[in-house]
Structures are given as C-alpha cells and as structure tokens.
Amino acid sequence: MRRLDHLWRVAATGAAFAFIFVGGGLLAGVMLPLMLLPGAGNHGRVRRVIHRVFRFYLHCLRGLGLLTLVFENTAPLHAPGGCLIVANHPSLLDVVMLVALIPNAQCIVKNALWTHPLLGPLMRRAGYIRNDLDPEALLEACRESLRLGQPLIIFPEGTRSQPGQPPRFRRGFANLATLTAAPVQTVLITCDPPTLVKGEPWWRIPPIRPTFRLVVGERLEAERYLDQTHRSVAARRLVHFLERYYAEKLGYV
C-alpha cells in the first residue's frame, strides 16, 4: 500500500505541474481575453482570477492527498493599504499559497517567467513587475503598487532556501522598504518533510505526505525601522532583524 501511495503521489504531482504550465497558458491565451473588458482595471481583474484559480488549485492538491495545508492568523493579509509581504521561501508552492490567500497581490517575477512561452502572457496580463527593470523603474513600479494599496509579495532570499541552513536575506527588499516607508508584514512558511526544494526534481517526493504551514506573524510599521540618520543603516538593521527573526522561528537560534 505504501508503494502504491508513493506511485500515486508521483503521478498526481506530475499532473499538478502540467496544470500550472498548460493551464496558465490557456488562461492567458483563451479564457482571460474572453472575460475581460477594455479598461485600466484589467490587471486587477486578472490578479483576482489568478487568486481564485490558485485557491482551487490548492483545494485540488489537498483533495488528491498530495499535501496537508495549515494556515494560521491570515487576517492581517487582508488589512487595507499597501505593504510588503515578506516571507521565507522553502518550496515552489510558497507564492501559490500567498496569492491564494491575497486577492490582489502584486509580485516581482523573474525574467524567465516574464518571457516564458506559456506563463509569460499571464504574467504580463496580471501586470506583475519584472525583476530585470532598471533600478529606478523597478522602484517606481513598486511604489505605485503600494500607493494603490496592493500587497507586494517579496522573498528576501531571492531564491528558494537550502534545507537545514538559516535564511540569508539580500538587501534589496530592505532598500525598497526604506525608500517607500511601507509596512513590512512577516510570513513564516515551513514544509515537513521538505519537498520541491531548490535543486530537487519534482518527481523526488518525500515518503510521506508533506505538511505546509503558513503563519502570518509580526507586522513592522515604517517608524520602527526608519529611526536612523542614514537610510543605509536602517536597511542593514532591518535585514539583520528579520534574519534573526526567521532564524529563531525556524529553530536555528
């Protein structure tokens, strides 16, 4: 029975990955053009469609027995006003979970996704921010998103975590926080046993069903990390604080 369960989860995981790529292409190329009307609000409508699709997707993953989901204290994710949603990044499903919980989430996406033949059109229709813009254009896009009250999802590690190692954050998110004076909402994500980690093929699944836990934690208002004479000092202080915060929550300190 254990062998059959493992084979079933491998096959269902493959189907789930196919759904993301093929379904994303169909959504961008066929469904959204039929659903949307001309107008400036299309990006927001597309993001809300993606939000609902990701909620349905997680429901299917759970129904297929591929994972267990635990969400805790998610109400702050729906607070009005723009903020930076800062999360650690243990697996490929992290952004799916966050977008499924936040109806109008804004994301900074890699160039590889922006230009992907299937998912690229969806990224562009959603109005997501590409990460290879020049610094001034990237800052202005993020600032405008926050001004419009859109939560901006950021993974400060820049890539998925390495299992067994404490988080190491790049300073880019802290520079953005200090330049925009946006609140920082922390989110802690864990996966036990680890799966879909960096450098691991999708078919190498764990022997038992993994449990994904997403906990919305402390919220840092801007005045808490901007009380420094120099912005660069404030950015370093914010990075140091959040690295320690996540290391403690993950049991490294």
C-alpha atoms as a PDB file:
ATOM      1  CA  MET A   1       0.000   0.000   0.000  1.00  0.00           C
ATOM      2  CA  ARG A   2       2.857   2.383   0.787  1.00  0.00           C
ATOM      3  CA  ARG A   3       4.369   1.692  -2.634  1.00  0.00           C
ATOM      4  CA  LEU A   4       1.034   2.336  -4.359  1.00  0.00           C
ATOM      5  CA  ASP A   5       0.582   5.556  -2.385  1.00  0.00           C
ATOM      6  CA  HIS A   6       4.028   6.739  -3.478  1.00  0.00           C
ATOM      7  CA  LEU A   7       3.347   5.938  -7.148  1.00  0.00           C
ATOM      8  CA  TRP A   8       0.004   7.723  -6.963  1.00  0.00           C
ATOM      9  CA  ARG A   9       1.576  10.845  -5.453  1.00  0.00           C
ATOM     10  CA  VAL A  10       4.308  10.916  -8.134  1.00  0.00           C
ATOM     11  CA  ALA A  11       1.713  10.664 -10.935  1.00  0.00           C
ATOM     12  CA  ALA A  12      -0.580  13.256  -9.328  1.00  0.00           C
ATOM     13  CA  THR A  13       2.361  15.632  -8.750  1.00  0.00           C
ATOM     14  CA  GLY A  14       3.244  15.406 -12.451  1.00  0.00           C
ATOM     15  CA  ALA A  15      -0.358  16.215 -13.379  1.00  0.00           C
ATOM     16  CA  ALA A  16      -0.310  19.166 -10.952  1.00  0.00           C
ATOM     17  CA  PHE A  17       2.800  20.618 -12.613  1.00  0.00           C
ATOM     18  CA  ALA A  18       1.248  20.169 -16.046  1.00  0.00           C
ATOM     19  CA  PHE A  19      -1.815  22.050 -14.832  1.00  0.00           C
ATOM     20  CA  ILE A  20       0.307  25.063 -13.826  1.00  0.00           C
ATOM     21  CA  PHE A  21       2.060  25.384 -17.191  1.00  0.00           C
ATOM     22  CA  VAL A  22      -0.656  24.275 -19.614  1.00  0.00           C
ATOM     23  CA  GLY A  23      -3.453  25.789 -17.545  1.00  0.00           C
ATOM     24  CA  GLY A  24      -1.565  29.078 -17.229  1.00  0.00           C
ATOM     25  CA  GLY A  25      -1.130  29.243 -20.991  1.00  0.00           C
ATOM     26  CA  LEU A  26      -4.810  28.504 -21.638  1.00  0.00           C
ATOM     27  CA  LEU A  27      -5.879  31.029 -19.019  1.00  0.00           C
ATOM     28  CA  ALA A  28      -3.804  33.803 -20.601  1.00  0.00           C
ATOM     29  CA  GLY A  29      -4.472  32.935 -24.223  1.00  0.00           C
ATOM     30  CA  VAL A  30      -8.108  31.865 -24.244  1.00  0.00           C
ATOM     31  CA  MET A  31     -10.105  32.460 -21.070  1.00  0.00           C
ATOM     32  CA  LEU A  32      -8.916  35.904 -19.940  1.00  0.00           C
ATOM     33  CA  PRO A  33      -9.369  37.626 -23.334  1.00  0.00           C
ATOM     34  CA  LEU A  34     -12.964  36.394 -23.345  1.00  0.00           C
ATOM     35  CA  MET A  35     -13.596  37.515 -19.760  1.00  0.00           C
ATOM     36  CA  LEU A  36     -12.011  40.971 -19.748  1.00  0.00           C
ATOM     37  CA  LEU A  37     -13.410  44.247 -20.966  1.00  0.00           C
ATOM     38  CA  PRO A  38     -11.250  47.145 -22.185  1.00  0.00           C
ATOM     39  CA  GLY A  39     -10.118  49.442 -19.403  1.00  0.00           C
ATOM     40  CA  ALA A  40      -7.409  50.340 -16.928  1.00  0.00           C
ATOM     41  CA  GLY A  41      -8.671  47.904 -14.285  1.00  0.00           C
ATOM     42  CA  ASN A  42      -7.818  44.761 -16.217  1.00  0.00           C
ATOM     43  CA  HIS A  43      -4.615  43.998 -14.289  1.00  0.00           C
ATOM     44  CA  GLY A  44      -6.532  43.886 -11.020  1.00  0.00           C
ATOM     45  CA  ARG A  45      -9.235  41.669 -12.523  1.00  0.00           C
ATOM     46  CA  VAL A  46      -6.606  39.260 -13.845  1.00  0.00           C
ATOM     47  CA  ARG A  47      -4.914  39.081 -10.447  1.00  0.00           C
ATOM     48  CA  ARG A  48      -8.242  38.273  -8.793  1.00  0.00           C
ATOM     49  CA  VAL A  49      -8.832  35.485 -11.353  1.00  0.00           C
ATOM     50  CA  ILE A  50      -5.365  34.073 -10.596  1.00  0.00           C
ATOM     51  CA  HIS A  51      -6.171  34.286  -6.876  1.00  0.00           C
ATOM     52  CA  ARG A  52      -9.311  32.170  -7.365  1.00  0.00           C
ATOM     53  CA  VAL A  53      -7.539  29.685  -9.645  1.00  0.00           C
ATOM     54  CA  PHE A  54      -4.756  29.217  -7.075  1.00  0.00           C
ATOM     55  CA  ARG A  55      -7.321  28.681  -4.300  1.00  0.00           C
ATOM     56  CA  PHE A  56      -8.963  25.997  -6.441  1.00  0.00           C
ATOM     57  CA  TYR A  57      -5.532  24.532  -7.248  1.00  0.00           C
ATOM     58  CA  LEU A  58      -4.629  24.168  -3.561  1.00  0.00           C
ATOM     59  CA  HIS A  59      -8.033  22.630  -2.894  1.00  0.00           C
ATOM     60  CA  CYS A  60      -7.305  20.044  -5.610  1.00  0.00           C
ATOM     61  CA  LEU A  61      -3.834  19.278  -4.237  1.00  0.00           C
ATOM     62  CA  ARG A  62      -5.305  18.728  -0.808  1.00  0.00           C
ATOM     63  CA  GLY A  63      -8.184  16.662  -2.207  1.00  0.00           C
ATOM     64  CA  LEU A  64      -5.764  14.452  -4.143  1.00  0.00           C
ATOM     65  CA  GLY A  65      -3.898  13.687  -0.933  1.00  0.00           C
ATOM     66  CA  LEU A  66      -0.663  15.330  -2.084  1.00  0.00           C
ATOM     67  CA  LEU A  67      -0.252  17.610   0.930  1.00  0.00           C
ATOM     68  CA  THR A  68      -1.687  18.956   4.135  1.00  0.00           C
ATOM     69  CA  LEU A  69      -2.202  22.721   4.422  1.00  0.00           C
ATOM     70  CA  VAL A  70      -2.246  24.678   7.674  1.00  0.00           C
ATOM     71  CA  PHE A  71      -2.859  28.446   7.570  1.00  0.00           C
ATOM     72  CA  GLU A  72      -2.654  30.480  10.790  1.00  0.00           C
ATOM     73  CA  ASN A  73      -3.556  34.103  11.592  1.00  0.00           C
ATOM     74  CA  THR A  74      -4.186  35.079   7.960  1.00  0.00           C
ATOM     75  CA  ALA A  75      -6.454  38.069   8.751  1.00  0.00           C
ATOM     76  CA  PRO A  76      -3.572  40.643   8.592  1.00  0.00           C
ATOM     77  CA  LEU A  77      -3.053  39.720   4.917  1.00  0.00           C
ATOM     78  CA  HIS A  78      -6.385  41.388   4.169  1.00  0.00           C
ATOM     79  CA  ALA A  79      -5.657  44.632   6.023  1.00  0.00           C
ATOM     80  CA  PRO A  80      -6.293  47.719   3.846  1.00  0.00           C
ATOM     81  CA  GLY A  81      -3.369  49.637   2.375  1.00  0.00           C
ATOM     82  CA  GLY A  82      -0.204  48.615   0.588  1.00  0.00           C
ATOM     83  CA  CYS A  83       2.500  46.723   2.439  1.00  0.00           C
ATOM     84  CA  LEU A  84       5.449  44.428   1.779  1.00  0.00           C
ATOM     85  CA  ILE A  85       4.609  40.763   2.367  1.00  0.00           C
ATOM     86  CA  VAL A  86       7.996  39.350   3.370  1.00  0.00           C
ATOM     87  CA  ALA A  87       8.250  35.542   3.510  1.00  0.00           C
ATOM     88  CA  ASN A  88      10.905  32.875   3.626  1.00  0.00           C
ATOM     89  CA  HIS A  89      10.984  30.577   0.614  1.00  0.00           C
ATOM     90  CA  PRO A  90      11.318  26.827   1.328  1.00  0.00           C
ATOM     91  CA  SER A  91       9.420  25.448  -1.696  1.00  0.00           C
ATOM     92  CA  LEU A  92       7.909  26.071  -5.116  1.00  0.00           C
ATOM     93  CA  LEU A  93       4.416  26.327  -3.625  1.00  0.00           C
ATOM     94  CA  ASP A  94       5.117  29.408  -1.477  1.00  0.00           C
ATOM     95  CA  VAL A  95       3.932  32.007  -3.972  1.00  0.00           C
ATOM     96  CA  VAL A  96       0.896  29.859  -4.853  1.00  0.00           C
ATOM     97  CA  MET A  97      -0.182  29.808  -1.198  1.00  0.00           C
ATOM     98  CA  LEU A  98       0.308  33.551  -0.746  1.00  0.00           C
ATOM     99  CA  VAL A  99      -1.538  34.509  -3.929  1.00  0.00           C
ATOM    100  CA  ALA A 100      -4.339  32.097  -2.994  1.00  0.00           C
ATOM    101  CA  LEU A 101      -4.712  33.978   0.311  1.00  0.00           C
ATOM    102  CA  ILE A 102      -4.411  37.561  -1.047  1.00  0.00           C
ATOM    103  CA  PRO A 103      -6.990  38.593  -3.687  1.00  0.00           C
ATOM    104  CA  ASN A 104      -4.997  41.416  -5.331  1.00  0.00           C
ATOM    105  CA  ALA A 105      -1.391  40.506  -4.612  1.00  0.00           C
ATOM    106  CA  GLN A 106       1.378  42.116  -6.636  1.00  0.00           C
ATOM    107  CA  CYS A 107       4.523  40.093  -7.373  1.00  0.00           C
ATOM    108  CA  ILE A 108       8.031  40.717  -8.655  1.00  0.00           C
ATOM    109  CA  VAL A 109       8.685  37.953 -11.190  1.00  0.00           C
ATOM    110  CA  LYS A 110      11.870  36.647 -12.733  1.00  0.00           C
ATOM    111  CA  ASN A 111      12.663  37.396 -16.364  1.00  0.00           C
ATOM    112  CA  ALA A 112      12.445  33.652 -17.092  1.00  0.00           C
ATOM    113  CA  LEU A 113       8.756  33.703 -16.118  1.00  0.00           C
ATOM    114  CA  TRP A 114       8.051  37.024 -17.854  1.00  0.00           C
ATOM    115  CA  THR A 115       9.348  35.610 -21.159  1.00  0.00           C
ATOM    116  CA  HIS A 116       8.075  32.024 -20.701  1.00  0.00           C
ATOM    117  CA  PRO A 117       6.061  30.917 -23.777  1.00  0.00           C
ATOM    118  CA  LEU A 118       3.145  29.643 -21.657  1.00  0.00           C
ATOM    119  CA  LEU A 119       3.268  31.614 -18.406  1.00  0.00           C
ATOM    120  CA  GLY A 120       4.725  34.863 -19.782  1.00  0.00           C
ATOM    121  CA  PRO A 121       1.426  36.153 -21.247  1.00  0.00           C
ATOM    122  CA  LEU A 122      -0.273  35.514 -17.901  1.00  0.00           C
ATOM    123  CA  MET A 123       2.444  37.460 -16.030  1.00  0.00           C
ATOM    124  CA  ARG A 124       2.020  40.406 -18.386  1.00  0.00           C
ATOM    125  CA  ARG A 125      -1.800  40.377 -18.295  1.00  0.00           C
ATOM    126  CA  ALA A 126      -1.648  40.405 -14.491  1.00  0.00           C
ATOM    127  CA  GLY A 127       0.617  43.459 -14.540  1.00  0.00           C
ATOM    128  CA  TYR A 128       3.244  41.806 -12.377  1.00  0.00           C
ATOM    129  CA  ILE A 129       6.587  43.600 -12.033  1.00  0.00           C
ATOM    130  CA  ARG A 130       9.561  42.108 -13.863  1.00  0.00           C
ATOM    131  CA  ASN A 131      12.756  41.914 -11.833  1.00  0.00           C
ATOM    132  CA  ASP A 132      15.117  42.982 -14.633  1.00  0.00           C
ATOM    133  CA  LEU A 133      13.857  46.563 -14.884  1.00  0.00           C
ATOM    134  CA  ASP A 134      16.443  49.244 -14.239  1.00  0.00           C
ATOM    135  CA  PRO A 135      16.541  50.183 -10.518  1.00  0.00           C
ATOM    136  CA  GLU A 136      14.618  53.448 -10.877  1.00  0.00           C
ATOM    137  CA  ALA A 137      11.836  51.851 -12.951  1.00  0.00           C
ATOM    138  CA  LEU A 138      11.600  48.899 -10.547  1.00  0.00           C
ATOM    139  CA  LEU A 139      11.358  51.226  -7.549  1.00  0.00           C
ATOM    140  CA  GLU A 140       8.700  53.358  -9.240  1.00  0.00           C
ATOM    141  CA  ALA A 141       6.635  50.281 -10.184  1.00  0.00           C
ATOM    142  CA  CYS A 142       6.770  49.022  -6.594  1.00  0.00           C
ATOM    143  CA  ARG A 143       5.979  52.469  -5.195  1.00  0.00           C
ATOM    144  CA  GLU A 144       2.937  52.783  -7.479  1.00  0.00           C
ATOM    145  CA  SER A 145       1.714  49.332  -6.480  1.00  0.00           C
ATOM    146  CA  LEU A 146       1.944  50.225  -2.794  1.00  0.00           C
ATOM    147  CA  ARG A 147       0.256  53.596  -3.422  1.00  0.00           C
ATOM    148  CA  LEU A 148      -2.687  51.726  -4.970  1.00  0.00           C
ATOM    149  CA  GLY A 149      -2.988  49.616  -1.820  1.00  0.00           C
ATOM    150  CA  GLN A 150      -1.682  46.386  -3.333  1.00  0.00           C
ATOM    151  CA  PRO A 151       0.235  43.979  -1.065  1.00  0.00           C
ATOM    152  CA  LEU A 152       3.626  43.308  -2.665  1.00  0.00           C
ATOM    153  CA  ILE A 153       4.989  39.770  -2.150  1.00  0.00           C
ATOM    154  CA  ILE A 154       8.765  39.583  -1.686  1.00  0.00           C
ATOM    155  CA  PHE A 155      11.066  36.657  -0.906  1.00  0.00           C
ATOM    156  CA  PRO A 156      14.189  38.342   0.554  1.00  0.00           C
ATOM    157  CA  GLU A 157      16.365  35.271  -0.014  1.00  0.00           C
ATOM    158  CA  GLY A 158      15.976  35.821  -3.762  1.00  0.00           C
ATOM    159  CA  THR A 159      15.631  32.084  -4.370  1.00  0.00           C
ATOM    160  CA  ARG A 160      14.421  29.010  -2.527  1.00  0.00           C
ATOM    161  CA  SER A 161      16.019  28.205   0.815  1.00  0.00           C
ATOM    162  CA  GLN A 162      18.584  25.473   1.293  1.00  0.00           C
ATOM    163  CA  PRO A 163      17.166  22.903   3.761  1.00  0.00           C
ATOM    164  CA  GLY A 164      18.998  22.868   7.061  1.00  0.00           C
ATOM    165  CA  GLN A 165      20.520  26.328   6.645  1.00  0.00           C
ATOM    166  CA  PRO A 166      19.379  29.554   8.346  1.00  0.00           C
ATOM    167  CA  PRO A 167      17.950  32.220   5.999  1.00  0.00           C
ATOM    168  CA  ARG A 168      20.276  34.748   4.382  1.00  0.00           C
ATOM    169  CA  PHE A 169      18.480  37.813   3.069  1.00  0.00           C
ATOM    170  CA  ARG A 170      19.591  40.111   0.275  1.00  0.00           C
ATOM    171  CA  ARG A 171      19.387  43.825   0.993  1.00  0.00           C
ATOM    172  CA  GLY A 172      17.149  44.709  -1.967  1.00  0.00           C
ATOM    173  CA  PHE A 173      13.884  44.270  -0.040  1.00  0.00           C
ATOM    174  CA  ALA A 174      15.196  46.437   2.815  1.00  0.00           C
ATOM    175  CA  ASN A 175      16.219  49.189   0.399  1.00  0.00           C
ATOM    176  CA  LEU A 176      12.715  49.053  -1.062  1.00  0.00           C
ATOM    177  CA  ALA A 177      11.161  49.200   2.416  1.00  0.00           C
ATOM    178  CA  THR A 178      13.231  52.213   3.481  1.00  0.00           C
ATOM    179  CA  LEU A 179      12.663  54.057   0.196  1.00  0.00           C
ATOM    180  CA  THR A 180       8.888  53.581   0.269  1.00  0.00           C
ATOM    181  CA  ALA A 181       8.373  53.624   4.071  1.00  0.00           C
ATOM    182  CA  ALA A 182       5.960  50.710   3.613  1.00  0.00           C
ATOM    183  CA  PRO A 183       4.869  48.445   6.478  1.00  0.00           C
ATOM    184  CA  VAL A 184       6.505  45.005   6.470  1.00  0.00           C
ATOM    185  CA  GLN A 185       4.214  42.029   7.130  1.00  0.00           C
ATOM    186  CA  THR A 186       6.169  38.899   8.020  1.00  0.00           C
ATOM    187  CA  VAL A 187       5.036  35.443   6.904  1.00  0.00           C
ATOM    188  CA  LEU A 188       6.678  32.209   8.033  1.00  0.00           C
ATOM    189  CA  ILE A 189       6.407  29.145   5.762  1.00  0.00           C
ATOM    190  CA  THR A 190       7.543  25.636   6.662  1.00  0.00           C
ATOM    191  CA  CYS A 191       7.263  22.288   4.908  1.00  0.00           C
ATOM    192  CA  ASP A 192       7.712  18.996   6.754  1.00  0.00           C
ATOM    193  CA  PRO A 193       9.167  16.851   5.313  1.00  0.00           C
ATOM    194  CA  PRO A 194      10.868  19.188   2.818  1.00  0.00           C
ATOM    195  CA  THR A 195       9.765  18.913  -0.817  1.00  0.00           C
ATOM    196  CA  LEU A 196      10.004  20.939  -4.030  1.00  0.00           C
ATOM    197  CA  VAL A 197      13.210  22.491  -2.684  1.00  0.00           C
ATOM    198  CA  LYS A 198      15.931  24.182  -4.719  1.00  0.00           C
ATOM    199  CA  GLY A 199      17.838  21.800  -6.996  1.00  0.00           C
ATOM    200  CA  GLU A 200      15.468  18.877  -6.436  1.00  0.00           C
ATOM    201  CA  PRO A 201      13.449  17.398  -9.346  1.00  0.00           C
ATOM    202  CA  TRP A 202       9.676  17.456  -8.916  1.00  0.00           C
ATOM    203  CA  TRP A 203       9.361  13.660  -9.014  1.00  0.00           C
ATOM    204  CA  ARG A 204      11.581  13.175  -5.931  1.00  0.00           C
ATOM    205  CA  ILE A 205       8.729  13.358  -3.463  1.00  0.00           C
ATOM    206  CA  PRO A 206       9.019  12.552   0.269  1.00  0.00           C
ATOM    207  CA  PRO A 207       7.964   9.140   1.624  1.00  0.00           C
ATOM    208  CA  ILE A 208       5.002  10.658   3.470  1.00  0.00           C
ATOM    209  CA  ARG A 209       2.561  13.443   2.643  1.00  0.00           C
ATOM    210  CA  PRO A 210       4.194  16.818   3.425  1.00  0.00           C
ATOM    211  CA  THR A 211       2.560  19.413   5.653  1.00  0.00           C
ATOM    212  CA  PHE A 212       2.815  23.022   4.511  1.00  0.00           C
ATOM    213  CA  ARG A 213       2.311  25.524   7.313  1.00  0.00           C
ATOM    214  CA  LEU A 214       1.922  29.261   6.648  1.00  0.00           C
ATOM    215  CA  VAL A 215       1.836  31.537   9.688  1.00  0.00           C
ATOM    216  CA  VAL A 216       1.296  35.289   9.431  1.00  0.00           C
ATOM    217  CA  GLY A 217       3.497  36.872  12.065  1.00  0.00           C
ATOM    218  CA  GLU A 218       4.744  40.239  13.236  1.00  0.00           C
ATOM    219  CA  ARG A 219       3.983  43.435  11.327  1.00  0.00           C
ATOM    220  CA  LEU A 220       6.636  46.169  11.293  1.00  0.00           C
ATOM    221  CA  GLU A 221       5.372  49.692  10.791  1.00  0.00           C
ATOM    222  CA  ALA A 222       7.765  52.026   8.982  1.00  0.00           C
ATOM    223  CA  GLU A 223       8.654  54.144  12.009  1.00  0.00           C
ATOM    224  CA  ARG A 224      10.027  51.035  13.685  1.00  0.00           C
ATOM    225  CA  TYR A 225      12.861  50.578  11.193  1.00  0.00           C
ATOM    226  CA  LEU A 226      13.339  54.137   9.892  1.00  0.00           C
ATOM    227  CA  ASP A 227      14.644  55.642  13.144  1.00  0.00           C
ATOM    228  CA  GLN A 228      18.169  56.001  11.772  1.00  0.00           C
ATOM    229  CA  THR A 229      20.098  59.011  10.490  1.00  0.00           C
ATOM    230  CA  HIS A 230      21.121  57.236   7.302  1.00  0.00           C
ATOM    231  CA  ARG A 231      18.850  55.072   5.148  1.00  0.00           C
ATOM    232  CA  SER A 232      21.615  52.530   4.502  1.00  0.00           C
ATOM    233  CA  VAL A 233      21.968  51.985   8.253  1.00  0.00           C
ATOM    234  CA  ALA A 234      18.228  51.458   8.550  1.00  0.00           C
ATOM    235  CA  ALA A 235      18.292  48.924   5.680  1.00  0.00           C
ATOM    236  CA  ARG A 236      21.116  46.919   7.289  1.00  0.00           C
ATOM    237  CA  ARG A 237      19.305  46.989  10.613  1.00  0.00           C
ATOM    238  CA  LEU A 238      16.102  45.708   9.007  1.00  0.00           C
ATOM    239  CA  VAL A 239      17.953  42.854   7.251  1.00  0.00           C
ATOM    240  CA  HIS A 240      19.702  41.850  10.468  1.00  0.00           C
ATOM    241  CA  PHE A 241      16.468  41.982  12.481  1.00  0.00           C
ATOM    242  CA  LEU A 242      14.489  39.858  10.022  1.00  0.00           C
ATOM    243  CA  GLU A 243      17.274  37.304   9.508  1.00  0.00           C
ATOM    244  CA  ARG A 244      17.360  36.758  13.256  1.00  0.00           C
ATOM    245  CA  TYR A 245      13.560  36.772  13.494  1.00  0.00           C
ATOM    246  CA  TYR A 246      13.230  33.989  10.889  1.00  0.00           C
ATOM    247  CA  ALA A 247      16.206  32.048  12.257  1.00  0.00           C
ATOM    248  CA  GLU A 248      14.551  31.984  15.689  1.00  0.00           C
ATOM    249  CA  LYS A 249      11.164  30.955  14.288  1.00  0.00           C
ATOM    250  CA  LEU A 250      12.791  28.167  12.258  1.00  0.00           C
ATOM    251  CA  GLY A 251      14.795  26.897  15.247  1.00  0.00           C
ATOM    252  CA  TYR A 252      18.299  27.962  14.185  1.00  0.00           C
ATOM    253  CA  VAL A 253      18.864  30.249  17.203  1.00  0.00           C
END
